[in-house]
């Protein structure tokens, strides 16, 4: 039985019908796949962060994944291409973008019919408020409006998951030297492994950059040490993962999101991701507040979630029609099971 077939078995209708009897996705999975089967599945998949989430929320997330075409790819210049394109478009329409410590939002209050947003050096009053901050960082914002949002059950139901990401630039793309076709790693192809907590590793297209995406608190703790210590630990872990000696990188960069990089639903919350999405469209009926971001949509961790939630806000607050995807993006075949999905190409 393959991992996809295991998932299809786990998510059989009669099994999902019993999901409310389980505290977490881990206990749900252990019951139907056995603890050993559960461990095997996540060892192969290279990630076990879903286990701590609400079983209903994780199943809802997996159902959302099954709607992917299998042809999704990252921008050639990396995920920052989305940010750059958005900034360019906004500026072309006359918007001004303020970034940096002087513009960090400290509090959000309300004065008459206006929202009052305060930063260390500025105060802005607006009639409509779009909050594009994930739950972790937004939880640090004070003020009556911000705290009212933070008290909402939908907001509190979201479970942040920390993550670590690293990238290294090499003098040459040494992974292209791998001759065995089964072991060869192609540009933008993910190498999944639970070995030494390394998770997902992929080389960028036509470049000498190797990127890793990990969901392990271990690396966040090591990152607190001097950078050369981190470089050494990652280098040893990569040599073990690839089972070969590799050259030292020319440069490295690391980032750890302790407040959450993507999100699940908290066990016992009894609030679905779809309910969070509906809430975020307009948290308080009649008030011009909108919450956007992938944390507030079932496509959590995917740019699609952020884009769709932004479209929801534009539709609710400005009556801008939600655009349909280009014709070439629309699906011609919907998989009937996870075993039919081409997981190799979901990047």
C-alpha atoms as a PDB file:
ATOM      1  CA  UNK A   1       0.000   0.000   0.000  1.00  0.00           C
ATOM      2  CA  UNK A   2       1.405   3.368  -1.023  1.00  0.00           C
ATOM      3  CA  UNK A   3       1.203   6.490   1.160  1.00  0.00           C
ATOM      4  CA  UNK A   4      -1.532   7.924  -1.051  1.00  0.00           C
ATOM      5  CA  UNK A   5      -3.527   4.707  -0.738  1.00  0.00           C
ATOM      6  CA  UNK A   6      -3.046   4.848   3.039  1.00  0.00           C
ATOM      7  CA  UNK A   7      -4.455   8.361   3.028  1.00  0.00           C
ATOM      8  CA  UNK A   8      -7.403   7.284   0.872  1.00  0.00           C
ATOM      9  CA  UNK A   9      -8.113   4.484   3.356  1.00  0.00           C
ATOM     10  CA  UNK A  10      -7.830   6.824   6.332  1.00  0.00           C
ATOM     11  CA  UNK A  11     -10.247   9.303   4.756  1.00  0.00           C
ATOM     12  CA  UNK A  12     -12.930   6.767   3.848  1.00  0.00           C
ATOM     13  CA  UNK A  13     -16.377   8.194   4.423  1.00  0.00           C
ATOM     14  CA  UNK A  14     -17.166   5.847   7.305  1.00  0.00           C
ATOM     15  CA  UNK A  15     -13.897   6.801   9.039  1.00  0.00           C
ATOM     16  CA  UNK A  16     -14.358  10.555   8.622  1.00  0.00           C
ATOM     17  CA  UNK A  17     -17.891  10.171  10.012  1.00  0.00           C
ATOM     18  CA  UNK A  18     -16.278   9.247  13.347  1.00  0.00           C
ATOM     19  CA  UNK A  19     -13.745  12.084  13.359  1.00  0.00           C
ATOM     20  CA  UNK A  20     -15.417  14.057  16.161  1.00  0.00           C
ATOM     21  CA  UNK A  21     -14.528  11.226  18.558  1.00  0.00           C
ATOM     22  CA  UNK A  22     -10.797  12.025  18.304  1.00  0.00           C
ATOM     23  CA  UNK A  23      -8.778  14.777  19.985  1.00  0.00           C
ATOM     24  CA  UNK A  24      -6.120  15.296  17.319  1.00  0.00           C
ATOM     25  CA  UNK A  25      -5.330  14.126  13.809  1.00  0.00           C
ATOM     26  CA  UNK A  26      -2.632  11.961  15.390  1.00  0.00           C
ATOM     27  CA  UNK A  27      -5.099   9.933  17.487  1.00  0.00           C
ATOM     28  CA  UNK A  28      -7.468   9.661  14.500  1.00  0.00           C
ATOM     29  CA  UNK A  29      -4.660   8.382  12.292  1.00  0.00           C
ATOM     30  CA  UNK A  30      -3.291   6.008  14.930  1.00  0.00           C
ATOM     31  CA  UNK A  31      -6.706   4.403  15.322  1.00  0.00           C
ATOM     32  CA  UNK A  32      -7.236   3.583  11.638  1.00  0.00           C
ATOM     33  CA  UNK A  33      -3.640   3.176  10.394  1.00  0.00           C
ATOM     34  CA  UNK A  34      -2.053   1.925  13.656  1.00  0.00           C
ATOM     35  CA  UNK A  35       0.742   3.934  15.321  1.00  0.00           C
ATOM     36  CA  UNK A  36       3.299   2.126  13.155  1.00  0.00           C
ATOM     37  CA  UNK A  37       1.421   2.895   9.940  1.00  0.00           C
ATOM     38  CA  UNK A  38       1.098   6.525  10.973  1.00  0.00           C
ATOM     39  CA  UNK A  39       4.825   6.791  11.650  1.00  0.00           C
ATOM     40  CA  UNK A  40       5.639   5.143   8.322  1.00  0.00           C
ATOM     41  CA  UNK A  41       3.389   7.554   6.440  1.00  0.00           C
ATOM     42  CA  UNK A  42       4.978  10.667   7.904  1.00  0.00           C
ATOM     43  CA  UNK A  43       8.520   9.291   7.686  1.00  0.00           C
ATOM     44  CA  UNK A  44       7.998   8.916   3.948  1.00  0.00           C
ATOM     45  CA  UNK A  45       6.221  12.239   3.607  1.00  0.00           C
ATOM     46  CA  UNK A  46       8.977  14.024   5.554  1.00  0.00           C
ATOM     47  CA  UNK A  47       6.647  16.102   7.738  1.00  0.00           C
ATOM     48  CA  UNK A  48       4.589  15.308  10.813  1.00  0.00           C
ATOM     49  CA  UNK A  49       3.434  18.803  11.802  1.00  0.00           C
ATOM     50  CA  UNK A  50      -0.178  17.972  10.897  1.00  0.00           C
ATOM     51  CA  UNK A  51      -0.444  15.457  13.735  1.00  0.00           C
ATOM     52  CA  UNK A  52      -1.052  18.075  16.444  1.00  0.00           C
ATOM     53  CA  UNK A  53      -3.915  19.797  14.640  1.00  0.00           C
ATOM     54  CA  UNK A  54      -7.655  19.371  14.893  1.00  0.00           C
ATOM     55  CA  UNK A  55      -8.609  16.176  13.003  1.00  0.00           C
ATOM     56  CA  UNK A  56     -11.494  17.965  11.274  1.00  0.00           C
ATOM     57  CA  UNK A  57      -9.199  20.813  10.214  1.00  0.00           C
ATOM     58  CA  UNK A  58      -6.481  18.561   8.799  1.00  0.00           C
ATOM     59  CA  UNK A  59      -9.000  16.506   6.810  1.00  0.00           C
ATOM     60  CA  UNK A  60     -10.487  19.732   5.473  1.00  0.00           C
ATOM     61  CA  UNK A  61      -6.982  20.867   4.485  1.00  0.00           C
ATOM     62  CA  UNK A  62      -6.266  17.564   2.716  1.00  0.00           C
ATOM     63  CA  UNK A  63      -9.536  17.834   0.806  1.00  0.00           C
ATOM     64  CA  UNK A  64      -8.424  21.287  -0.318  1.00  0.00           C
ATOM     65  CA  UNK A  65      -5.079  19.843  -1.471  1.00  0.00           C
ATOM     66  CA  UNK A  66      -6.896  17.276  -3.577  1.00  0.00           C
ATOM     67  CA  UNK A  67      -8.316  20.161  -5.623  1.00  0.00           C
ATOM     68  CA  UNK A  68      -4.821  21.127  -6.790  1.00  0.00           C
ATOM     69  CA  UNK A  69      -4.002  20.289 -10.379  1.00  0.00           C
ATOM     70  CA  UNK A  70      -0.526  18.900  -9.717  1.00  0.00           C
ATOM     71  CA  UNK A  71       0.887  21.489 -12.124  1.00  0.00           C
ATOM     72  CA  UNK A  72       1.454  24.240  -9.561  1.00  0.00           C
ATOM     73  CA  UNK A  73       4.986  25.644  -9.692  1.00  0.00           C
ATOM     74  CA  UNK A  74       6.955  28.323  -7.891  1.00  0.00           C
ATOM     75  CA  UNK A  75       7.861  31.550  -9.708  1.00  0.00           C
ATOM     76  CA  UNK A  76      11.251  31.353 -11.425  1.00  0.00           C
ATOM     77  CA  UNK A  77      12.589  34.135  -9.172  1.00  0.00           C
ATOM     78  CA  UNK A  78      11.214  32.547  -6.002  1.00  0.00           C
ATOM     79  CA  UNK A  79       8.185  33.368  -3.886  1.00  0.00           C
ATOM     80  CA  UNK A  80       9.384  36.962  -3.462  1.00  0.00           C
ATOM     81  CA  UNK A  81       8.251  37.485  -7.072  1.00  0.00           C
ATOM     82  CA  UNK A  82       4.676  37.670  -5.735  1.00  0.00           C
ATOM     83  CA  UNK A  83       5.604  40.455  -3.319  1.00  0.00           C
ATOM     84  CA  UNK A  84       7.541  42.383  -5.953  1.00  0.00           C
ATOM     85  CA  UNK A  85       4.706  42.114  -8.490  1.00  0.00           C
ATOM     86  CA  UNK A  86       2.149  43.195  -5.900  1.00  0.00           C
ATOM     87  CA  UNK A  87       4.243  46.187  -4.835  1.00  0.00           C
ATOM     88  CA  UNK A  88       4.817  47.229  -8.457  1.00  0.00           C
ATOM     89  CA  UNK A  89       1.108  46.985  -9.242  1.00  0.00           C
ATOM     90  CA  UNK A  90       0.091  48.923  -6.112  1.00  0.00           C
ATOM     91  CA  UNK A  91       2.556  51.720  -6.805  1.00  0.00           C
ATOM     92  CA  UNK A  92       1.388  51.991 -10.405  1.00  0.00           C
ATOM     93  CA  UNK A  93      -2.103  52.689  -9.053  1.00  0.00           C
ATOM     94  CA  UNK A  94      -0.832  55.431  -6.751  1.00  0.00           C
ATOM     95  CA  UNK A  95      -0.456  53.480  -3.525  1.00  0.00           C
ATOM     96  CA  UNK A  96       2.375  54.194  -1.101  1.00  0.00           C
ATOM     97  CA  UNK A  97       4.146  51.413   0.744  1.00  0.00           C
ATOM     98  CA  UNK A  98       5.779  52.020   4.116  1.00  0.00           C
ATOM     99  CA  UNK A  99       8.070  49.381   5.594  1.00  0.00           C
ATOM    100  CA  UNK A 100      10.559  49.131   8.428  1.00  0.00           C
ATOM    101  CA  UNK A 101      10.551  49.519  12.204  1.00  0.00           C
ATOM    102  CA  UNK A 102       9.150  53.059  12.118  1.00  0.00           C
ATOM    103  CA  UNK A 103       5.994  51.708  10.481  1.00  0.00           C
ATOM    104  CA  UNK A 104       5.399  48.656  12.634  1.00  0.00           C
ATOM    105  CA  UNK A 105       1.766  48.648  13.766  1.00  0.00           C
ATOM    106  CA  UNK A 106       1.526  49.102  17.537  1.00  0.00           C
ATOM    107  CA  UNK A 107      -2.196  49.605  18.051  1.00  0.00           C
ATOM    108  CA  UNK A 108      -5.536  49.842  16.250  1.00  0.00           C
ATOM    109  CA  UNK A 109      -8.404  51.771  17.837  1.00  0.00           C
ATOM    110  CA  UNK A 110     -11.537  53.497  16.620  1.00  0.00           C
ATOM    111  CA  UNK A 111     -12.472  57.161  16.766  1.00  0.00           C
ATOM    112  CA  UNK A 112     -15.994  57.994  15.618  1.00  0.00           C
ATOM    113  CA  UNK A 113     -16.285  56.262  12.200  1.00  0.00           C
ATOM    114  CA  UNK A 114     -12.546  56.050  11.575  1.00  0.00           C
ATOM    115  CA  UNK A 115      -9.961  53.442  12.481  1.00  0.00           C
ATOM    116  CA  UNK A 116      -6.843  54.856  14.123  1.00  0.00           C
ATOM    117  CA  UNK A 117      -3.642  52.951  13.300  1.00  0.00           C
ATOM    118  CA  UNK A 118      -0.542  53.898  15.308  1.00  0.00           C
ATOM    119  CA  UNK A 119       3.122  53.173  14.578  1.00  0.00           C
ATOM    120  CA  UNK A 120       6.171  54.342  16.614  1.00  0.00           C
ATOM    121  CA  UNK A 121       6.229  57.671  14.752  1.00  0.00           C
ATOM    122  CA  UNK A 122       2.950  57.976  12.872  1.00  0.00           C
ATOM    123  CA  UNK A 123      -0.818  57.895  13.248  1.00  0.00           C
ATOM    124  CA  UNK A 124      -3.164  57.120  10.361  1.00  0.00           C
ATOM    125  CA  UNK A 125      -6.956  57.420  10.278  1.00  0.00           C
ATOM    126  CA  UNK A 126      -8.866  55.368   7.694  1.00  0.00           C
ATOM    127  CA  UNK A 127     -12.456  54.489   6.909  1.00  0.00           C
ATOM    128  CA  UNK A 128     -11.720  50.920   5.810  1.00  0.00           C
ATOM    129  CA  UNK A 129      -9.243  48.543   7.410  1.00  0.00           C
ATOM    130  CA  UNK A 130      -7.620  45.544   5.723  1.00  0.00           C
ATOM    131  CA  UNK A 131      -5.530  43.418   8.073  1.00  0.00           C
ATOM    132  CA  UNK A 132      -2.947  41.391   6.159  1.00  0.00           C
ATOM    133  CA  UNK A 133      -1.053  40.021   9.153  1.00  0.00           C
ATOM    134  CA  UNK A 134      -0.819  36.384  10.295  1.00  0.00           C
ATOM    135  CA  UNK A 135      -2.283  35.500  13.716  1.00  0.00           C
ATOM    136  CA  UNK A 136       1.106  35.264  15.454  1.00  0.00           C
ATOM    137  CA  UNK A 137       2.334  38.772  14.692  1.00  0.00           C
ATOM    138  CA  UNK A 138      -1.135  40.337  14.832  1.00  0.00           C
ATOM    139  CA  UNK A 139      -1.482  38.976  18.351  1.00  0.00           C
ATOM    140  CA  UNK A 140       1.150  41.525  19.437  1.00  0.00           C
ATOM    141  CA  UNK A 141      -0.939  44.492  18.270  1.00  0.00           C
ATOM    142  CA  UNK A 142      -2.835  46.315  21.027  1.00  0.00           C
ATOM    143  CA  UNK A 143      -5.862  48.614  20.922  1.00  0.00           C
ATOM    144  CA  UNK A 144      -9.604  48.013  21.267  1.00  0.00           C
ATOM    145  CA  UNK A 145     -10.149  47.096  17.606  1.00  0.00           C
ATOM    146  CA  UNK A 146      -7.173  44.701  17.459  1.00  0.00           C
ATOM    147  CA  UNK A 147      -8.083  43.084  20.777  1.00  0.00           C
ATOM    148  CA  UNK A 148     -11.680  42.652  19.697  1.00  0.00           C
ATOM    149  CA  UNK A 149     -10.491  40.687  16.659  1.00  0.00           C
ATOM    150  CA  UNK A 150      -8.083  38.659  18.784  1.00  0.00           C
ATOM    151  CA  UNK A 151     -10.931  37.620  21.114  1.00  0.00           C
ATOM    152  CA  UNK A 152     -12.985  36.180  18.263  1.00  0.00           C
ATOM    153  CA  UNK A 153     -13.367  32.387  18.403  1.00  0.00           C
ATOM    154  CA  UNK A 154     -12.461  32.091  14.713  1.00  0.00           C
ATOM    155  CA  UNK A 155      -9.178  33.941  15.285  1.00  0.00           C
ATOM    156  CA  UNK A 156      -8.368  31.939  18.421  1.00  0.00           C
ATOM    157  CA  UNK A 157      -9.101  28.638  16.669  1.00  0.00           C
ATOM    158  CA  UNK A 158      -6.031  28.964  14.425  1.00  0.00           C
ATOM    159  CA  UNK A 159      -2.977  26.914  15.438  1.00  0.00           C
ATOM    160  CA  UNK A 160       0.378  28.407  14.338  1.00  0.00           C
ATOM    161  CA  UNK A 161       3.106  25.985  13.227  1.00  0.00           C
ATOM    162  CA  UNK A 162       6.736  27.180  13.417  1.00  0.00           C
ATOM    163  CA  UNK A 163       9.052  26.569  10.482  1.00  0.00           C
ATOM    164  CA  UNK A 164      12.658  27.003   9.457  1.00  0.00           C
ATOM    165  CA  UNK A 165      13.974  27.820   6.001  1.00  0.00           C
ATOM    166  CA  UNK A 166      17.522  27.951   4.711  1.00  0.00           C
ATOM    167  CA  UNK A 167      19.176  28.636   1.370  1.00  0.00           C
ATOM    168  CA  UNK A 168      22.763  28.125   0.232  1.00  0.00           C
ATOM    169  CA  UNK A 169      24.633  29.341  -2.858  1.00  0.00           C
ATOM    170  CA  UNK A 170      27.359  27.042  -4.199  1.00  0.00           C
ATOM    171  CA  UNK A 171      30.151  27.569  -6.691  1.00  0.00           C
ATOM    172  CA  UNK A 172      28.557  24.876  -8.809  1.00  0.00           C
ATOM    173  CA  UNK A 173      25.316  22.887  -8.740  1.00  0.00           C
ATOM    174  CA  UNK A 174      26.892  19.737  -7.244  1.00  0.00           C
ATOM    175  CA  UNK A 175      23.555  17.870  -7.179  1.00  0.00           C
ATOM    176  CA  UNK A 176      23.700  17.766 -10.987  1.00  0.00           C
ATOM    177  CA  UNK A 177      26.704  15.421 -10.663  1.00  0.00           C
ATOM    178  CA  UNK A 178      24.455  12.638  -9.378  1.00  0.00           C
ATOM    179  CA  UNK A 179      24.421  10.047 -12.180  1.00  0.00           C
ATOM    180  CA  UNK A 180      21.955   7.495 -10.809  1.00  0.00           C
ATOM    181  CA  UNK A 181      18.634   8.390 -12.414  1.00  0.00           C
ATOM    182  CA  UNK A 182      16.695   7.300  -9.315  1.00  0.00           C
ATOM    183  CA  UNK A 183      18.714   9.628  -7.085  1.00  0.00           C
ATOM    184  CA  UNK A 184      19.014  12.554  -9.475  1.00  0.00           C
ATOM    185  CA  UNK A 185      17.486  15.811  -8.259  1.00  0.00           C
ATOM    186  CA  UNK A 186      16.021  18.069 -10.924  1.00  0.00           C
ATOM    187  CA  UNK A 187      15.417  21.845 -10.676  1.00  0.00           C
ATOM    188  CA  UNK A 188      12.394  22.654  -8.453  1.00  0.00           C
ATOM    189  CA  UNK A 189      11.966  18.958  -7.572  1.00  0.00           C
ATOM    190  CA  UNK A 190      11.532  18.346  -3.841  1.00  0.00           C
ATOM    191  CA  UNK A 191      13.641  15.783  -2.019  1.00  0.00           C
ATOM    192  CA  UNK A 192      11.543  14.723   0.984  1.00  0.00           C
ATOM    193  CA  UNK A 193      13.239  13.153   3.960  1.00  0.00           C
ATOM    194  CA  UNK A 194      12.677  12.940   7.693  1.00  0.00           C
ATOM    195  CA  UNK A 195      16.364  12.133   8.091  1.00  0.00           C
ATOM    196  CA  UNK A 196      18.032  14.413  10.656  1.00  0.00           C
ATOM    197  CA  UNK A 197      14.930  16.663  10.586  1.00  0.00           C
ATOM    198  CA  UNK A 198      15.807  18.069   7.153  1.00  0.00           C
ATOM    199  CA  UNK A 199      12.344  17.896   5.598  1.00  0.00           C
ATOM    200  CA  UNK A 200      12.098  19.281   2.067  1.00  0.00           C
ATOM    201  CA  UNK A 201      15.113  20.179  -0.057  1.00  0.00           C
ATOM    202  CA  UNK A 202      14.984  21.507  -3.606  1.00  0.00           C
ATOM    203  CA  UNK A 203      17.359  23.173  -6.074  1.00  0.00           C
ATOM    204  CA  UNK A 204      16.249  26.324  -7.851  1.00  0.00           C
ATOM    205  CA  UNK A 205      15.859  26.382 -11.615  1.00  0.00           C
ATOM    206  CA  UNK A 206      19.044  27.043 -13.591  1.00  0.00           C
ATOM    207  CA  UNK A 207      20.967  28.246 -10.566  1.00  0.00           C
ATOM    208  CA  UNK A 208      23.425  27.168  -7.880  1.00  0.00           C
ATOM    209  CA  UNK A 209      20.949  27.704  -5.041  1.00  0.00           C
ATOM    210  CA  UNK A 210      19.757  24.856  -2.816  1.00  0.00           C
ATOM    211  CA  UNK A 211      16.814  25.587  -0.560  1.00  0.00           C
ATOM    212  CA  UNK A 212      15.456  23.713   2.431  1.00  0.00           C
ATOM    213  CA  UNK A 213      12.095  24.038   4.177  1.00  0.00           C
ATOM    214  CA  UNK A 214      11.837  22.427   7.600  1.00  0.00           C
ATOM    215  CA  UNK A 215       9.206  22.248  10.300  1.00  0.00           C
ATOM    216  CA  UNK A 216      11.420  21.582  13.281  1.00  0.00           C
ATOM    217  CA  UNK A 217      11.954  23.587  16.456  1.00  0.00           C
ATOM    218  CA  UNK A 218      15.434  22.001  16.568  1.00  0.00           C
ATOM    219  CA  UNK A 219      16.797  24.326  13.892  1.00  0.00           C
ATOM    220  CA  UNK A 220      15.222  27.377  15.485  1.00  0.00           C
ATOM    221  CA  UNK A 221      17.149  26.642  18.672  1.00  0.00           C
ATOM    222  CA  UNK A 222      20.440  26.080  16.826  1.00  0.00           C
ATOM    223  CA  UNK A 223      19.907  29.346  14.935  1.00  0.00           C
ATOM    224  CA  UNK A 224      20.327  31.198  18.250  1.00  0.00           C
ATOM    225  CA  UNK A 225      23.979  30.090  18.237  1.00  0.00           C
ATOM    226  CA  UNK A 226      26.772  31.694  16.115  1.00  0.00           C
ATOM    227  CA  UNK A 227      26.127  31.367  12.375  1.00  0.00           C
ATOM    228  CA  UNK A 228      29.180  29.177  11.745  1.00  0.00           C
ATOM    229  CA  UNK A 229      27.684  26.588  14.112  1.00  0.00           C
ATOM    230  CA  UNK A 230      24.489  26.566  12.080  1.00  0.00           C
ATOM    231  CA  UNK A 231      26.450  26.279   8.819  1.00  0.00           C
ATOM    232  CA  UNK A 232      28.318  23.259  10.146  1.00  0.00           C
ATOM    233  CA  UNK A 233      25.194  21.476  11.377  1.00  0.00           C
ATOM    234  CA  UNK A 234      23.297  22.007   8.123  1.00  0.00           C
ATOM    235  CA  UNK A 235      26.310  20.905   6.046  1.00  0.00           C
ATOM    236  CA  UNK A 236      26.642  17.634   7.981  1.00  0.00           C
ATOM    237  CA  UNK A 237      22.905  17.014   7.749  1.00  0.00           C
ATOM    238  CA  UNK A 238      22.931  17.544   3.967  1.00  0.00           C
ATOM    239  CA  UNK A 239      25.880  15.166   3.512  1.00  0.00           C
ATOM    240  CA  UNK A 240      23.992  12.515   5.452  1.00  0.00           C
ATOM    241  CA  UNK A 241      20.779  13.140   3.518  1.00  0.00           C
ATOM    242  CA  UNK A 242      22.462  12.949   0.094  1.00  0.00           C
ATOM    243  CA  UNK A 243      24.878  10.207   1.213  1.00  0.00           C
ATOM    244  CA  UNK A 244      27.924  11.949  -0.297  1.00  0.00           C
ATOM    245  CA  UNK A 245      30.553  14.576   0.395  1.00  0.00           C
ATOM    246  CA  UNK A 246      29.419  17.995  -0.795  1.00  0.00           C
ATOM    247  CA  UNK A 247      31.325  21.295  -1.202  1.00  0.00           C
ATOM    248  CA  UNK A 248      31.043  24.146   1.274  1.00  0.00           C
ATOM    249  CA  UNK A 249      28.612  26.877   0.184  1.00  0.00           C
ATOM    250  CA  UNK A 250      29.727  30.360  -0.810  1.00  0.00           C
ATOM    251  CA  UNK A 251      27.000  31.923   1.313  1.00  0.00           C
ATOM    252  CA  UNK A 252      23.987  30.909   3.386  1.00  0.00           C
ATOM    253  CA  UNK A 253      20.886  32.551   4.787  1.00  0.00           C
ATOM    254  CA  UNK A 254      18.413  31.239   7.378  1.00  0.00           C
ATOM    255  CA  UNK A 255      15.005  32.228   8.730  1.00  0.00           C
ATOM    256  CA  UNK A 256      12.946  30.788  11.577  1.00  0.00           C
ATOM    257  CA  UNK A 257       9.291  31.715  12.038  1.00  0.00           C
ATOM    258  CA  UNK A 258       8.620  30.994  15.696  1.00  0.00           C
ATOM    259  CA  UNK A 259       5.196  32.702  15.524  1.00  0.00           C
ATOM    260  CA  UNK A 260       4.066  30.448  12.694  1.00  0.00           C
ATOM    261  CA  UNK A 261       4.752  29.999   8.991  1.00  0.00           C
ATOM    262  CA  UNK A 262       1.529  28.128   8.265  1.00  0.00           C
ATOM    263  CA  UNK A 263      -1.484  27.196  10.289  1.00  0.00           C
ATOM    264  CA  UNK A 264      -3.811  24.396  11.328  1.00  0.00           C
ATOM    265  CA  UNK A 265      -6.933  24.421  13.489  1.00  0.00           C
ATOM    266  CA  UNK A 266      -6.582  23.922  17.244  1.00  0.00           C
ATOM    267  CA  UNK A 267      -7.857  20.619  18.638  1.00  0.00           C
ATOM    268  CA  UNK A 268     -11.279  21.040  20.216  1.00  0.00           C
ATOM    269  CA  UNK A 269     -11.958  24.346  18.461  1.00  0.00           C
ATOM    270  CA  UNK A 270     -14.921  22.907  16.526  1.00  0.00           C
ATOM    271  CA  UNK A 271     -14.431  25.682  13.981  1.00  0.00           C
ATOM    272  CA  UNK A 272     -13.666  24.710  10.398  1.00  0.00           C
ATOM    273  CA  UNK A 273     -11.259  26.455   8.046  1.00  0.00           C
ATOM    274  CA  UNK A 274     -14.218  27.444   5.866  1.00  0.00           C
ATOM    275  CA  UNK A 275     -15.852  29.098   8.879  1.00  0.00           C
ATOM    276  CA  UNK A 276     -12.636  31.032   9.484  1.00  0.00           C
ATOM    277  CA  UNK A 277     -12.709  32.121   5.836  1.00  0.00           C
ATOM    278  CA  UNK A 278     -16.299  33.316   6.085  1.00  0.00           C
ATOM    279  CA  UNK A 279     -15.479  35.194   9.302  1.00  0.00           C
ATOM    280  CA  UNK A 280     -12.412  36.869   7.784  1.00  0.00           C
ATOM    281  CA  UNK A 281     -14.431  38.295   4.881  1.00  0.00           C
ATOM    282  CA  UNK A 282     -15.984  40.723   7.371  1.00  0.00           C
ATOM    283  CA  UNK A 283     -15.400  39.835  11.039  1.00  0.00           C
ATOM    284  CA  UNK A 284     -18.039  42.277  12.270  1.00  0.00           C
ATOM    285  CA  UNK A 285     -21.143  42.752  10.088  1.00  0.00           C
ATOM    286  CA  UNK A 286     -21.639  46.370   9.134  1.00  0.00           C
ATOM    287  CA  UNK A 287     -18.056  47.356   9.948  1.00  0.00           C
ATOM    288  CA  UNK A 288     -15.421  47.981   7.289  1.00  0.00           C
ATOM    289  CA  UNK A 289     -12.829  45.495   8.595  1.00  0.00           C
ATOM    290  CA  UNK A 290     -11.385  42.722   6.414  1.00  0.00           C
ATOM    291  CA  UNK A 291      -8.789  40.074   7.306  1.00  0.00           C
ATOM    292  CA  UNK A 292      -6.659  38.515   4.561  1.00  0.00           C
ATOM    293  CA  UNK A 293      -3.834  35.999   4.278  1.00  0.00           C
ATOM    294  CA  UNK A 294      -3.341  32.264   3.784  1.00  0.00           C
ATOM    295  CA  UNK A 295      -3.850  31.671   7.527  1.00  0.00           C
ATOM    296  CA  UNK A 296      -7.507  32.633   7.045  1.00  0.00           C
ATOM    297  CA  UNK A 297      -8.251  30.346   4.093  1.00  0.00           C
ATOM    298  CA  UNK A 298      -8.218  26.527   3.703  1.00  0.00           C
ATOM    299  CA  UNK A 299      -5.279  26.819   1.235  1.00  0.00           C
ATOM    300  CA  UNK A 300      -2.976  27.386   4.186  1.00  0.00           C
ATOM    301  CA  UNK A 301       0.676  27.724   3.315  1.00  0.00           C
ATOM    302  CA  UNK A 302      -0.148  28.301  -0.348  1.00  0.00           C
ATOM    303  CA  UNK A 303      -0.162  31.628  -2.179  1.00  0.00           C
ATOM    304  CA  UNK A 304      -3.616  30.686  -3.507  1.00  0.00           C
ATOM    305  CA  UNK A 305      -5.026  31.082   0.008  1.00  0.00           C
ATOM    306  CA  UNK A 306      -3.661  34.617   0.365  1.00  0.00           C
ATOM    307  CA  UNK A 307      -4.840  35.607  -3.122  1.00  0.00           C
ATOM    308  CA  UNK A 308      -8.353  34.189  -2.699  1.00  0.00           C
ATOM    309  CA  UNK A 309      -8.791  35.818   0.717  1.00  0.00           C
ATOM    310  CA  UNK A 310      -7.667  39.160  -0.755  1.00  0.00           C
ATOM    311  CA  UNK A 311     -10.206  38.734  -3.566  1.00  0.00           C
ATOM    312  CA  UNK A 312     -12.877  38.069  -0.927  1.00  0.00           C
ATOM    313  CA  UNK A 313     -12.023  41.348   0.809  1.00  0.00           C
ATOM    314  CA  UNK A 314     -12.111  43.318  -2.443  1.00  0.00           C
ATOM    315  CA  UNK A 315     -15.443  41.772  -3.295  1.00  0.00           C
ATOM    316  CA  UNK A 316     -17.000  42.451   0.111  1.00  0.00           C
ATOM    317  CA  UNK A 317     -15.555  45.916   0.682  1.00  0.00           C
ATOM    318  CA  UNK A 318     -15.326  47.360  -2.809  1.00  0.00           C
ATOM    319  CA  UNK A 319     -17.759  45.174  -4.806  1.00  0.00           C
ATOM    320  CA  UNK A 320     -14.939  44.161  -7.153  1.00  0.00           C
ATOM    321  CA  UNK A 321     -15.936  40.880  -8.875  1.00  0.00           C
ATOM    322  CA  UNK A 322     -13.839  37.874  -7.953  1.00  0.00           C
ATOM    323  CA  UNK A 323     -11.780  37.030 -11.075  1.00  0.00           C
ATOM    324  CA  UNK A 324     -11.932  33.615 -12.648  1.00  0.00           C
ATOM    325  CA  UNK A 325      -8.623  31.818 -13.210  1.00  0.00           C
ATOM    326  CA  UNK A 326      -7.216  31.860 -16.756  1.00  0.00           C
ATOM    327  CA  UNK A 327      -8.613  29.119 -18.981  1.00  0.00           C
ATOM    328  CA  UNK A 328      -5.319  27.223 -19.049  1.00  0.00           C
ATOM    329  CA  UNK A 329      -5.418  26.932 -15.242  1.00  0.00           C
ATOM    330  CA  UNK A 330      -8.835  25.324 -15.128  1.00  0.00           C
ATOM    331  CA  UNK A 331      -8.853  21.633 -14.524  1.00  0.00           C
ATOM    332  CA  UNK A 332      -9.714  19.010 -17.099  1.00  0.00           C
ATOM    333  CA  UNK A 333      -9.500  16.098 -14.647  1.00  0.00           C
ATOM    334  CA  UNK A 334     -10.396  15.958 -10.977  1.00  0.00           C
ATOM    335  CA  UNK A 335      -8.679  13.071  -9.139  1.00  0.00           C
ATOM    336  CA  UNK A 336     -11.114  10.743  -7.397  1.00  0.00           C
ATOM    337  CA  UNK A 337      -8.567   9.777  -4.745  1.00  0.00           C
ATOM    338  CA  UNK A 338      -5.204  10.816  -3.322  1.00  0.00           C
ATOM    339  CA  UNK A 339      -3.638   7.827  -5.107  1.00  0.00           C
ATOM    340  CA  UNK A 340      -4.461   9.547  -8.424  1.00  0.00           C
ATOM    341  CA  UNK A 341      -2.661  12.770  -7.523  1.00  0.00           C
ATOM    342  CA  UNK A 342       0.706  13.432  -9.124  1.00  0.00           C
ATOM    343  CA  UNK A 343       2.426  14.423  -5.856  1.00  0.00           C
ATOM    344  CA  UNK A 344       5.820  14.564  -7.587  1.00  0.00           C
ATOM    345  CA  UNK A 345       4.839  17.778  -9.351  1.00  0.00           C
ATOM    346  CA  UNK A 346       3.129  19.576  -6.456  1.00  0.00           C
ATOM    347  CA  UNK A 347       5.899  21.980  -5.545  1.00  0.00           C
END
